[in-house]
Amino acid sequence: MRRPNWFLRLVVIGYQLGIFLVLAPIFALLTRDWLSKRSRQDAGQYMVGARATVSAVLESGWGHIRIGDAWHLAAPAGERDLSVGDDVAVVGVNGAILIVQYIVPPAAE
């Protein structure tokens, strides 16, 4: 007796689904650690050297700056409190906190 064509298709789909259900969790577990280590190491490092303008007053070492479309918590590297409109440069990253330094404006001639 010859089996119908749809039966063969179901068998093939069953094998493919079984292989997927076995391999997907294995690859997920293997790549999870690698991806989490990579994202923790690179987080924020790409912003070092970026220049920004202070968008909220930085007092006692904390405030906000705007880089692109995102707001970032920032701590000035020096003792000077920064006011709105001051230009700063990102000099380092400490977790999710950007360390900024005041940029002295050029003297008017």
N, C-alpha and C. Protein backbone atom coordinates (compact mmCIF):
# COMPACT_ATOMS: atom_id res chain seq x y z
N MET A 1 0.83 -1.17 0.00
CA MET A 1 0.00 0.00 0.00
C MET A 1 0.89 1.25 0.00
N ARG A 2 0.60 2.12 -0.87
CA ARG A 2 1.37 3.35 -1.00
C ARG A 2 0.82 4.43 -0.05
N ARG A 3 1.74 5.09 0.66
CA ARG A 3 1.33 6.14 1.60
C ARG A 3 1.08 7.44 0.83
N PRO A 4 0.15 8.24 1.31
CA PRO A 4 -0.14 9.50 0.62
C PRO A 4 1.02 10.48 0.78
N ASN A 5 1.12 11.41 -0.14
CA ASN A 5 2.19 12.40 -0.17
C ASN A 5 2.17 13.29 1.08
N TRP A 6 1.03 13.62 1.61
CA TRP A 6 0.93 14.49 2.78
C TRP A 6 1.53 13.82 4.01
N PHE A 7 1.48 12.47 4.08
CA PHE A 7 2.05 11.75 5.21
C PHE A 7 3.57 11.92 5.25
N LEU A 8 4.20 11.84 4.10
CA LEU A 8 5.65 12.02 4.01
C LEU A 8 6.04 13.44 4.42
N ARG A 9 5.24 14.41 4.03
CA ARG A 9 5.52 15.79 4.41
C ARG A 9 5.41 15.98 5.93
N LEU A 10 4.43 15.36 6.56
CA LEU A 10 4.30 15.45 8.01
C LEU A 10 5.49 14.83 8.73
N VAL A 11 6.00 13.71 8.20
CA VAL A 11 7.15 13.05 8.80
C VAL A 11 8.38 13.96 8.72
N VAL A 12 8.60 14.57 7.57
CA VAL A 12 9.75 15.46 7.38
C VAL A 12 9.63 16.68 8.30
N ILE A 13 8.44 17.26 8.38
CA ILE A 13 8.24 18.41 9.26
C ILE A 13 8.45 18.00 10.71
N GLY A 14 8.03 16.81 11.08
CA GLY A 14 8.23 16.31 12.45
C GLY A 14 9.71 16.18 12.79
N TYR A 15 10.51 15.66 11.87
CA TYR A 15 11.95 15.55 12.09
C TYR A 15 12.58 16.93 12.22
N GLN A 16 12.22 17.85 11.36
CA GLN A 16 12.77 19.20 11.43
C GLN A 16 12.41 19.88 12.75
N LEU A 17 11.18 19.73 13.16
CA LEU A 17 10.74 20.32 14.41
C LEU A 17 11.47 19.70 15.59
N GLY A 18 11.66 18.41 15.57
CA GLY A 18 12.39 17.73 16.65
C GLY A 18 13.83 18.20 16.74
N ILE A 19 14.50 18.33 15.61
CA ILE A 19 15.88 18.81 15.59
C ILE A 19 15.95 20.24 16.13
N PHE A 20 15.01 21.07 15.71
CA PHE A 20 14.97 22.45 16.19
C PHE A 20 14.77 22.51 17.70
N LEU A 21 13.84 21.71 18.22
CA LEU A 21 13.55 21.74 19.66
C LEU A 21 14.72 21.25 20.49
N VAL A 22 15.58 20.43 19.92
CA VAL A 22 16.76 19.96 20.65
C VAL A 22 17.91 20.97 20.54
N LEU A 23 18.13 21.50 19.36
CA LEU A 23 19.30 22.36 19.15
C LEU A 23 19.10 23.80 19.63
N ALA A 24 17.90 24.34 19.55
CA ALA A 24 17.67 25.74 19.93
C ALA A 24 18.05 26.04 21.38
N PRO A 25 17.62 25.25 22.35
CA PRO A 25 18.04 25.54 23.73
C PRO A 25 19.54 25.38 23.94
N ILE A 26 20.15 24.44 23.25
CA ILE A 26 21.60 24.24 23.39
C ILE A 26 22.34 25.48 22.91
N PHE A 27 21.99 25.99 21.72
CA PHE A 27 22.65 27.19 21.21
C PHE A 27 22.33 28.41 22.05
N ALA A 28 21.13 28.49 22.59
CA ALA A 28 20.76 29.62 23.44
C ALA A 28 21.63 29.64 24.70
N LEU A 29 21.85 28.49 25.31
CA LEU A 29 22.68 28.42 26.51
C LEU A 29 24.14 28.71 26.20
N LEU A 30 24.63 28.24 25.07
CA LEU A 30 26.03 28.46 24.72
C LEU A 30 26.31 29.93 24.40
N THR A 31 25.40 30.62 23.78
CA THR A 31 25.65 32.02 23.39
C THR A 31 25.27 33.01 24.47
N ARG A 32 24.46 32.62 25.43
CA ARG A 32 24.01 33.55 26.47
C ARG A 32 25.18 34.15 27.24
N ASP A 33 26.09 33.32 27.71
CA ASP A 33 27.23 33.81 28.48
C ASP A 33 28.13 34.70 27.64
N TRP A 34 28.38 34.31 26.41
CA TRP A 34 29.25 35.09 25.54
C TRP A 34 28.65 36.46 25.26
N LEU A 35 27.37 36.53 24.99
CA LEU A 35 26.73 37.81 24.70
C LEU A 35 26.66 38.71 25.93
N SER A 36 26.39 38.15 27.10
CA SER A 36 26.29 38.98 28.30
C SER A 36 27.66 39.54 28.69
N LYS A 37 28.72 38.79 28.55
CA LYS A 37 30.06 39.29 28.84
C LYS A 37 30.43 40.40 27.87
N ARG A 38 30.11 40.21 26.62
CA ARG A 38 30.46 41.20 25.61
C ARG A 38 29.71 42.50 25.84
N SER A 39 28.43 42.44 26.14
CA SER A 39 27.66 43.66 26.31
C SER A 39 28.08 44.40 27.58
N ARG A 40 28.47 43.69 28.64
CA ARG A 40 28.92 44.35 29.86
C ARG A 40 30.25 45.05 29.64
N GLN A 41 31.13 44.49 28.86
CA GLN A 41 32.44 45.07 28.65
C GLN A 41 32.37 46.30 27.75
N ASP A 42 31.49 46.30 26.77
CA ASP A 42 31.44 47.38 25.80
C ASP A 42 30.45 48.48 26.15
N ALA A 43 29.68 48.30 27.20
CA ALA A 43 28.61 49.25 27.51
C ALA A 43 29.18 50.64 27.77
N GLY A 44 28.80 51.60 26.97
CA GLY A 44 29.18 52.98 27.17
C GLY A 44 30.55 53.37 26.68
N GLN A 45 31.43 52.42 26.41
CA GLN A 45 32.79 52.75 25.98
C GLN A 45 32.81 53.50 24.66
N TYR A 46 31.81 53.28 23.82
CA TYR A 46 31.78 53.97 22.53
C TYR A 46 31.49 55.46 22.68
N MET A 47 31.04 55.90 23.86
CA MET A 47 30.74 57.31 24.06
C MET A 47 31.94 58.11 24.54
N VAL A 48 33.02 57.46 24.95
CA VAL A 48 34.20 58.18 25.41
C VAL A 48 34.72 59.03 24.26
N GLY A 49 34.94 60.30 24.55
CA GLY A 49 35.39 61.25 23.54
C GLY A 49 34.26 62.07 22.94
N ALA A 50 33.02 61.67 23.19
CA ALA A 50 31.88 62.41 22.64
C ALA A 50 31.73 63.74 23.37
N ARG A 51 31.26 64.73 22.65
CA ARG A 51 31.00 66.04 23.24
C ARG A 51 29.51 66.24 23.36
N ALA A 52 29.11 66.94 24.42
CA ALA A 52 27.69 67.15 24.68
C ALA A 52 27.49 68.49 25.35
N THR A 53 26.23 68.89 25.46
CA THR A 53 25.86 70.10 26.17
C THR A 53 25.03 69.71 27.38
N VAL A 54 25.31 70.34 28.50
CA VAL A 54 24.58 70.04 29.73
C VAL A 54 23.14 70.50 29.55
N SER A 55 22.20 69.60 29.84
CA SER A 55 20.77 69.91 29.66
C SER A 55 20.05 70.11 30.99
N ALA A 56 20.67 69.73 32.09
CA ALA A 56 20.12 69.97 33.42
C ALA A 56 21.29 70.24 34.34
N VAL A 57 21.13 71.13 35.27
CA VAL A 57 22.23 71.56 36.14
C VAL A 57 22.87 70.35 36.82
N LEU A 58 24.21 70.30 36.77
CA LEU A 58 24.96 69.24 37.45
C LEU A 58 25.44 69.81 38.77
N GLU A 59 24.85 69.37 39.87
CA GLU A 59 25.24 69.81 41.19
C GLU A 59 25.68 68.61 42.01
N SER A 60 26.68 68.81 42.81
CA SER A 60 27.23 67.75 43.67
C SER A 60 27.61 66.53 42.86
N GLY A 61 28.01 66.73 41.63
CA GLY A 61 28.51 65.63 40.82
C GLY A 61 27.49 64.84 40.05
N TRP A 62 26.20 65.24 40.06
CA TRP A 62 25.19 64.44 39.36
C TRP A 62 24.28 65.34 38.54
N GLY A 63 23.83 64.83 37.41
CA GLY A 63 22.91 65.57 36.56
C GLY A 63 22.68 64.83 35.26
N HIS A 64 22.30 65.56 34.23
CA HIS A 64 22.02 64.93 32.94
C HIS A 64 22.65 65.72 31.81
N ILE A 65 23.08 64.97 30.80
CA ILE A 65 23.52 65.56 29.55
C ILE A 65 22.75 64.88 28.44
N ARG A 66 22.78 65.47 27.29
CA ARG A 66 22.07 64.89 26.16
C ARG A 66 23.09 64.57 25.06
N ILE A 67 23.12 63.29 24.69
CA ILE A 67 23.95 62.85 23.57
C ILE A 67 23.02 62.16 22.59
N GLY A 68 22.86 62.73 21.42
CA GLY A 68 21.92 62.16 20.45
C GLY A 68 20.50 62.28 20.97
N ASP A 69 19.77 61.19 20.96
CA ASP A 69 18.39 61.19 21.42
C ASP A 69 18.24 60.73 22.87
N ALA A 70 19.33 60.37 23.51
CA ALA A 70 19.24 59.77 24.84
C ALA A 70 19.78 60.72 25.91
N TRP A 71 19.22 60.60 27.10
CA TRP A 71 19.71 61.34 28.26
C TRP A 71 20.56 60.38 29.08
N HIS A 72 21.67 60.88 29.57
CA HIS A 72 22.57 60.02 30.33
C HIS A 72 22.94 60.69 31.65
N LEU A 73 22.94 59.93 32.70
CA LEU A 73 23.39 60.41 34.00
C LEU A 73 24.88 60.66 33.91
N ALA A 74 25.35 61.77 34.49
CA ALA A 74 26.76 62.11 34.34
C ALA A 74 27.32 62.64 35.65
N ALA A 75 28.59 62.41 35.88
CA ALA A 75 29.29 62.93 37.05
C ALA A 75 30.51 63.69 36.58
N PRO A 76 30.63 64.96 36.95
CA PRO A 76 31.81 65.70 36.50
C PRO A 76 33.08 65.17 37.15
N ALA A 77 34.16 65.16 36.39
CA ALA A 77 35.43 64.67 36.90
C ALA A 77 36.08 65.68 37.84
N GLY A 78 35.76 66.97 37.70
CA GLY A 78 36.35 68.01 38.54
C GLY A 78 35.40 68.43 39.65
N GLU A 79 35.79 69.50 40.33
CA GLU A 79 35.00 70.01 41.45
C GLU A 79 33.94 71.01 41.00
N ARG A 80 34.03 71.54 39.80
CA ARG A 80 33.17 72.60 39.33
C ARG A 80 31.76 72.09 39.06
N ASP A 81 30.73 72.80 39.58
CA ASP A 81 29.35 72.49 39.22
C ASP A 81 29.08 73.04 37.84
N LEU A 82 28.36 72.30 37.04
CA LEU A 82 28.09 72.72 35.66
C LEU A 82 26.67 73.23 35.55
N SER A 83 26.48 74.21 34.68
CA SER A 83 25.15 74.76 34.47
C SER A 83 24.67 74.43 33.07
N VAL A 84 23.39 74.67 32.83
CA VAL A 84 22.78 74.38 31.53
C VAL A 84 23.50 75.16 30.44
N GLY A 85 23.84 74.47 29.36
CA GLY A 85 24.50 75.10 28.23
C GLY A 85 26.00 74.93 28.21
N ASP A 86 26.60 74.47 29.31
CA ASP A 86 28.05 74.23 29.32
C ASP A 86 28.39 73.06 28.41
N ASP A 87 29.51 73.19 27.73
CA ASP A 87 29.98 72.09 26.87
C ASP A 87 30.87 71.16 27.68
N VAL A 88 30.66 69.86 27.51
CA VAL A 88 31.43 68.85 28.23
C VAL A 88 31.87 67.77 27.25
N ALA A 89 32.90 67.03 27.66
CA ALA A 89 33.38 65.88 26.90
C ALA A 89 33.33 64.66 27.81
N VAL A 90 32.94 63.53 27.26
CA VAL A 90 32.91 62.29 28.03
C VAL A 90 34.34 61.76 28.11
N VAL A 91 34.85 61.61 29.34
CA VAL A 91 36.23 61.14 29.53
C VAL A 91 36.30 59.72 30.08
N GLY A 92 35.17 59.18 30.50
CA GLY A 92 35.18 57.82 31.02
C GLY A 92 33.78 57.33 31.29
N VAL A 93 33.69 56.04 31.63
CA VAL A 93 32.42 55.41 31.92
C VAL A 93 32.58 54.57 33.18
N ASN A 94 31.62 54.67 34.09
CA ASN A 94 31.61 53.85 35.29
C ASN A 94 30.24 53.18 35.35
N GLY A 95 30.12 52.00 34.79
CA GLY A 95 28.83 51.32 34.71
C GLY A 95 27.92 52.08 33.75
N ALA A 96 26.80 52.58 34.27
CA ALA A 96 25.87 53.34 33.43
C ALA A 96 26.07 54.84 33.59
N ILE A 97 27.11 55.24 34.31
CA ILE A 97 27.36 56.66 34.57
C ILE A 97 28.49 57.14 33.67
N LEU A 98 28.22 58.23 32.95
CA LEU A 98 29.24 58.84 32.12
C LEU A 98 30.02 59.86 32.95
N ILE A 99 31.33 59.80 32.89
CA ILE A 99 32.19 60.75 33.58
C ILE A 99 32.53 61.83 32.56
N VAL A 100 32.20 63.09 32.90
CA VAL A 100 32.39 64.18 31.95
C VAL A 100 33.39 65.19 32.49
N GLN A 101 33.93 65.98 31.58
CA GLN A 101 34.87 67.04 31.94
C GLN A 101 34.44 68.30 31.22
N TYR A 102 34.51 69.43 31.91
CA TYR A 102 34.13 70.72 31.36
C TYR A 102 35.10 71.12 30.26
N ILE A 103 34.58 71.63 29.15
CA ILE A 103 35.40 72.12 28.05
C ILE A 103 35.42 73.65 28.15
N VAL A 104 36.62 74.20 28.35
CA VAL A 104 36.75 75.64 28.46
C VAL A 104 36.51 76.25 27.09
N PRO A 105 35.57 77.23 26.98
CA PRO A 105 35.32 77.84 25.68
C PRO A 105 36.51 78.68 25.25
N PRO A 106 36.76 78.77 23.93
CA PRO A 106 37.88 79.57 23.47
C PRO A 106 37.66 81.05 23.80
N ALA A 107 38.73 81.75 24.09
CA ALA A 107 38.64 83.17 24.45
C ALA A 107 38.20 83.98 23.24
N ALA A 108 37.30 84.92 23.47
CA ALA A 108 36.84 85.79 22.39
C ALA A 108 37.91 86.82 22.08
N GLU A 109 38.20 87.01 20.82
CA GLU A 109 39.24 87.97 20.41
C GLU A 109 38.62 89.15 19.74
